[in-house]
Amino acid sequence: MTDIKPRILPLPRTEWTDDAREVFSYWGEPNSWEEGSKTNVLMVMANHPGLGKVYNIWGKHLLMSNSLSTRHLELLILRVAWLVKSAYEWHNHVGYALNAGLTLEDIAAIRDYPAGGNWDEADDAVLRSVGELMADGTISDANWAVLGRHFTKQQQMDLVFSIGHYVMTSWALSSFGVGIEGGADPIGFDLRTASGKTPGKTYKPGETEDWTDSRGY
């Protein structure tokens, strides 16, 4: 997972315009305006400030203001990450999922879906939606009806756009050659870390005062 050849490098300091700084300091990481972000994808996106700034606004809605519960959001993100083999998204969202109350056994079942897992009807509909959209470009009538029993119209809209966003982001990370940050203890698809430690909770930007500390870099 860490042996990835970068195609677009983090923006060098000599090119840190104010527009670029707006990209890599957007999420409130301490000292990022002055020192840059420790998050690789932000430093890569800073190469294209016009795109990076709107991408941040869009991504923040889906990650932080999504009408879906955090549990359902993490179900779909991890399923996307597995299907497109995004090591970066998998690594980051295992910790978010644990913080949302999912267990390592649950996460393994997301990976192995439809085998295993004690999913209720709503959970199953979310996981099924990922596969249907990626395979067919739409959600089946039958599954849409199930979603309608459990989710509002806004939630159904966020569901579809969230799946698309994380597929798009995973494609970008892979195509640009963005690797997991140095200092992190990468979590593999087998749910083992490089060091052999059990994966733990991580926090989204601003979720705790020391949210950056849980990332390990």
Foldseek 3Di string as FASTA:
>chain_A
DQPWDFQQFFDDPVPDDVLLLCLQCVLPDPPCSPVNHLAGVSSRLSVPSVVSNVLVVVVCCLQPVAPDQLLLLLLLLLLLCLVVVQLQSNQVSVQVNVVSVDDPLQSLCSNVPPPDDPDDLLSVLLSVQLVCCVVPVGRDPVSVVSNVVPDDPSNVVSSVVSSVSSNVVSVVCRVRRGGQGPQAQGQDSVQATVVRDHDHHADGRPPDPPRVVSRRD
